[in-house]
Amino acid sequence: MESKIFGEILDVLLILDTSIFSKHLLGLSRVPRMSTLIMFLGPEDLGKLKELLKRSTSPNSGLTENEIRQIEKVFFVL
């Protein structure tokens, strides 16, 4: 996946409800080399990702503790 496409995915996820986009972030956390892709994001996309991560790890995200740990493991390299 290219960083431009990932940035566009982030734009779409930002308009979705937390319980919906959280499951998508969980799926994205399973994409190989995601942490490498994050290193190539620009500041604007990093800000969007940080906002999504903050919301997806909240208690009302609809994710289990194990799922939240999976997301944190991949995306908290920021």
N, C-alpha and C. Protein backbone atom coordinates (compact mmCIF):
# COMPACT_ATOMS: atom_id res chain seq x y z
N MET A 1 0.84 -1.17 0.00
CA MET A 1 0.00 0.00 0.00
C MET A 1 0.90 1.24 0.00
N GLU A 2 0.48 2.25 -0.71
CA GLU A 2 1.23 3.50 -0.78
C GLU A 2 0.71 4.48 0.27
N SER A 3 1.56 5.40 0.69
CA SER A 3 1.17 6.35 1.74
C SER A 3 0.03 7.26 1.28
N LYS A 4 -0.04 7.58 0.00
CA LYS A 4 -1.12 8.43 -0.51
C LYS A 4 -2.46 7.73 -0.34
N ILE A 5 -2.51 6.48 -0.69
CA ILE A 5 -3.75 5.71 -0.57
C ILE A 5 -4.12 5.56 0.90
N PHE A 6 -3.13 5.30 1.74
CA PHE A 6 -3.39 5.18 3.17
C PHE A 6 -3.94 6.49 3.73
N GLY A 7 -3.42 7.60 3.28
CA GLY A 7 -3.92 8.90 3.71
C GLY A 7 -5.38 9.10 3.32
N GLU A 8 -5.76 8.63 2.14
CA GLU A 8 -7.15 8.72 1.71
C GLU A 8 -8.05 7.82 2.55
N ILE A 9 -7.53 6.67 2.94
CA ILE A 9 -8.28 5.78 3.83
C ILE A 9 -8.52 6.47 5.17
N LEU A 10 -7.51 7.15 5.67
CA LEU A 10 -7.65 7.88 6.94
C LEU A 10 -8.73 8.94 6.84
N ASP A 11 -8.80 9.65 5.71
CA ASP A 11 -9.84 10.67 5.50
C ASP A 11 -11.23 10.07 5.63
N VAL A 12 -11.42 8.90 5.04
CA VAL A 12 -12.73 8.24 5.10
C VAL A 12 -13.03 7.77 6.52
N LEU A 13 -12.03 7.19 7.18
CA LEU A 13 -12.24 6.69 8.53
C LEU A 13 -12.62 7.80 9.51
N LEU A 14 -12.12 8.99 9.29
CA LEU A 14 -12.41 10.11 10.19
C LEU A 14 -13.89 10.48 10.20
N ILE A 15 -14.61 10.19 9.15
CA ILE A 15 -16.03 10.56 9.10
C ILE A 15 -16.95 9.46 9.62
N LEU A 16 -16.37 8.29 9.92
CA LEU A 16 -17.16 7.16 10.40
C LEU A 16 -17.30 7.18 11.91
N ASP A 17 -18.29 6.47 12.40
CA ASP A 17 -18.50 6.28 13.83
C ASP A 17 -17.33 5.49 14.42
N THR A 18 -17.01 5.76 15.67
CA THR A 18 -15.86 5.13 16.33
C THR A 18 -15.93 3.61 16.29
N SER A 19 -17.10 3.05 16.55
CA SER A 19 -17.22 1.59 16.59
C SER A 19 -16.99 0.97 15.21
N ILE A 20 -17.21 1.73 14.15
CA ILE A 20 -17.00 1.22 12.79
C ILE A 20 -15.53 1.35 12.40
N PHE A 21 -14.95 2.54 12.57
CA PHE A 21 -13.57 2.71 12.11
C PHE A 21 -12.57 1.95 12.97
N SER A 22 -12.94 1.67 14.23
CA SER A 22 -12.04 0.91 15.09
C SER A 22 -11.79 -0.48 14.53
N LYS A 23 -12.82 -1.10 14.01
CA LYS A 23 -12.66 -2.43 13.40
C LYS A 23 -11.79 -2.35 12.14
N HIS A 24 -11.90 -1.26 11.41
CA HIS A 24 -11.07 -1.07 10.22
C HIS A 24 -9.60 -0.88 10.61
N LEU A 25 -9.36 -0.11 11.67
CA LEU A 25 -7.98 0.06 12.15
C LEU A 25 -7.40 -1.28 12.61
N LEU A 26 -8.24 -2.09 13.23
CA LEU A 26 -7.79 -3.42 13.64
C LEU A 26 -7.36 -4.23 12.42
N GLY A 27 -8.17 -4.18 11.37
CA GLY A 27 -7.82 -4.87 10.14
C GLY A 27 -6.54 -4.33 9.51
N LEU A 28 -6.40 -3.01 9.51
CA LEU A 28 -5.20 -2.40 8.95
C LEU A 28 -3.96 -2.75 9.76
N SER A 29 -4.15 -3.00 11.05
CA SER A 29 -3.00 -3.36 11.88
C SER A 29 -2.43 -4.72 11.50
N ARG A 30 -3.20 -5.47 10.75
CA ARG A 30 -2.76 -6.80 10.32
C ARG A 30 -2.11 -6.79 8.93
N VAL A 31 -2.05 -5.62 8.31
CA VAL A 31 -1.40 -5.50 7.01
C VAL A 31 0.11 -5.56 7.21
N PRO A 32 0.80 -6.42 6.45
CA PRO A 32 2.26 -6.53 6.61
C PRO A 32 2.97 -5.18 6.38
N ARG A 33 3.98 -4.92 7.16
CA ARG A 33 4.83 -3.74 7.06
C ARG A 33 4.08 -2.41 7.26
N MET A 34 3.00 -2.44 8.05
CA MET A 34 2.24 -1.22 8.31
C MET A 34 3.11 -0.19 9.03
N SER A 35 3.93 -0.61 9.98
CA SER A 35 4.76 0.34 10.71
C SER A 35 5.75 1.04 9.78
N THR A 36 6.19 0.35 8.73
CA THR A 36 7.07 0.97 7.74
C THR A 36 6.31 2.03 6.95
N LEU A 37 5.08 1.74 6.58
CA LEU A 37 4.26 2.69 5.85
C LEU A 37 4.04 3.96 6.67
N ILE A 38 3.84 3.79 7.97
CA ILE A 38 3.59 4.94 8.85
C ILE A 38 4.78 5.90 8.84
N MET A 39 5.99 5.36 8.71
CA MET A 39 7.18 6.21 8.70
C MET A 39 7.20 7.17 7.51
N PHE A 40 6.48 6.85 6.44
CA PHE A 40 6.47 7.68 5.25
C PHE A 40 5.28 8.63 5.17
N LEU A 41 4.45 8.66 6.20
CA LEU A 41 3.32 9.57 6.21
C LEU A 41 3.77 10.99 6.49
N GLY A 42 3.06 11.93 5.88
CA GLY A 42 3.33 13.34 6.14
C GLY A 42 2.71 13.76 7.46
N PRO A 43 3.03 14.96 7.93
CA PRO A 43 2.53 15.44 9.22
C PRO A 43 1.00 15.48 9.31
N GLU A 44 0.35 15.85 8.23
CA GLU A 44 -1.12 15.93 8.23
C GLU A 44 -1.74 14.55 8.43
N ASP A 45 -1.25 13.56 7.69
CA ASP A 45 -1.77 12.21 7.82
C ASP A 45 -1.42 11.59 9.18
N LEU A 46 -0.26 11.92 9.70
CA LEU A 46 0.10 11.44 11.05
C LEU A 46 -0.86 12.00 12.09
N GLY A 47 -1.24 13.25 11.93
CA GLY A 47 -2.21 13.86 12.85
C GLY A 47 -3.55 13.16 12.78
N LYS A 48 -3.99 12.83 11.58
CA LYS A 48 -5.26 12.10 11.41
C LYS A 48 -5.18 10.73 12.07
N LEU A 49 -4.07 10.05 11.87
CA LEU A 49 -3.89 8.73 12.44
C LEU A 49 -3.87 8.79 13.97
N LYS A 50 -3.21 9.79 14.52
CA LYS A 50 -3.16 9.93 15.97
C LYS A 50 -4.56 10.17 16.54
N GLU A 51 -5.36 10.96 15.85
CA GLU A 51 -6.74 11.21 16.30
C GLU A 51 -7.56 9.92 16.27
N LEU A 52 -7.42 9.16 15.20
CA LEU A 52 -8.14 7.89 15.08
C LEU A 52 -7.70 6.92 16.17
N LEU A 53 -6.41 6.88 16.45
CA LEU A 53 -5.90 5.98 17.48
C LEU A 53 -6.42 6.36 18.86
N LYS A 54 -6.46 7.64 19.13
CA LYS A 54 -6.96 8.12 20.41
C LYS A 54 -8.42 7.69 20.60
N ARG A 55 -9.21 7.85 19.56
CA ARG A 55 -10.62 7.50 19.65
C ARG A 55 -10.84 5.99 19.67
N SER A 56 -10.01 5.24 18.94
CA SER A 56 -10.23 3.79 18.85
C SER A 56 -9.79 3.05 20.10
N THR A 57 -8.96 3.64 20.92
CA THR A 57 -8.52 2.97 22.14
C THR A 57 -9.32 3.43 23.36
N SER A 58 -10.37 4.19 23.13
CA SER A 58 -11.23 4.60 24.24
C SER A 58 -12.17 3.45 24.61
N PRO A 59 -12.73 3.49 25.81
CA PRO A 59 -13.60 2.40 26.26
C PRO A 59 -14.84 2.18 25.39
N ASN A 60 -15.33 3.20 24.70
CA ASN A 60 -16.54 3.05 23.89
C ASN A 60 -16.25 2.70 22.43
N SER A 61 -15.06 2.18 22.16
CA SER A 61 -14.69 1.87 20.77
C SER A 61 -15.30 0.56 20.27
N GLY A 62 -15.75 -0.29 21.18
CA GLY A 62 -16.32 -1.57 20.77
C GLY A 62 -15.28 -2.66 20.58
N LEU A 63 -14.03 -2.38 20.93
CA LEU A 63 -12.95 -3.36 20.78
C LEU A 63 -12.64 -4.02 22.12
N THR A 64 -12.16 -5.25 22.06
CA THR A 64 -11.73 -5.94 23.27
C THR A 64 -10.34 -5.42 23.65
N GLU A 65 -9.90 -5.76 24.85
CA GLU A 65 -8.57 -5.34 25.29
C GLU A 65 -7.47 -5.92 24.39
N ASN A 66 -7.64 -7.16 23.96
CA ASN A 66 -6.65 -7.77 23.06
C ASN A 66 -6.60 -7.06 21.72
N GLU A 67 -7.75 -6.66 21.21
CA GLU A 67 -7.79 -5.94 19.93
C GLU A 67 -7.13 -4.57 20.06
N ILE A 68 -7.38 -3.90 21.18
CA ILE A 68 -6.74 -2.60 21.42
C ILE A 68 -5.23 -2.76 21.51
N ARG A 69 -4.76 -3.81 22.19
CA ARG A 69 -3.31 -4.06 22.28
C ARG A 69 -2.72 -4.31 20.89
N GLN A 70 -3.44 -5.01 20.02
CA GLN A 70 -2.96 -5.27 18.66
C GLN A 70 -2.78 -3.95 17.90
N ILE A 71 -3.76 -3.07 18.01
CA ILE A 71 -3.68 -1.76 17.35
C ILE A 71 -2.51 -0.97 17.92
N GLU A 72 -2.40 -0.94 19.24
CA GLU A 72 -1.31 -0.19 19.88
C GLU A 72 0.04 -0.73 19.47
N LYS A 73 0.16 -2.02 19.37
CA LYS A 73 1.43 -2.65 19.01
C LYS A 73 1.93 -2.17 17.65
N VAL A 74 1.03 -2.02 16.72
CA VAL A 74 1.43 -1.63 15.35
C VAL A 74 1.49 -0.12 15.19
N PHE A 75 0.48 0.60 15.67
CA PHE A 75 0.36 2.01 15.35
C PHE A 75 1.04 2.95 16.35
N PHE A 76 1.39 2.49 17.51
CA PHE A 76 2.01 3.41 18.46
C PHE A 76 3.51 3.51 18.29
N VAL A 77 3.97 3.35 17.06
CA VAL A 77 5.36 3.63 16.73
C VAL A 77 5.51 5.11 16.40
N LEU A 78 4.43 5.85 16.50
CA LEU A 78 4.41 7.27 16.12
C LEU A 78 5.26 8.09 17.04
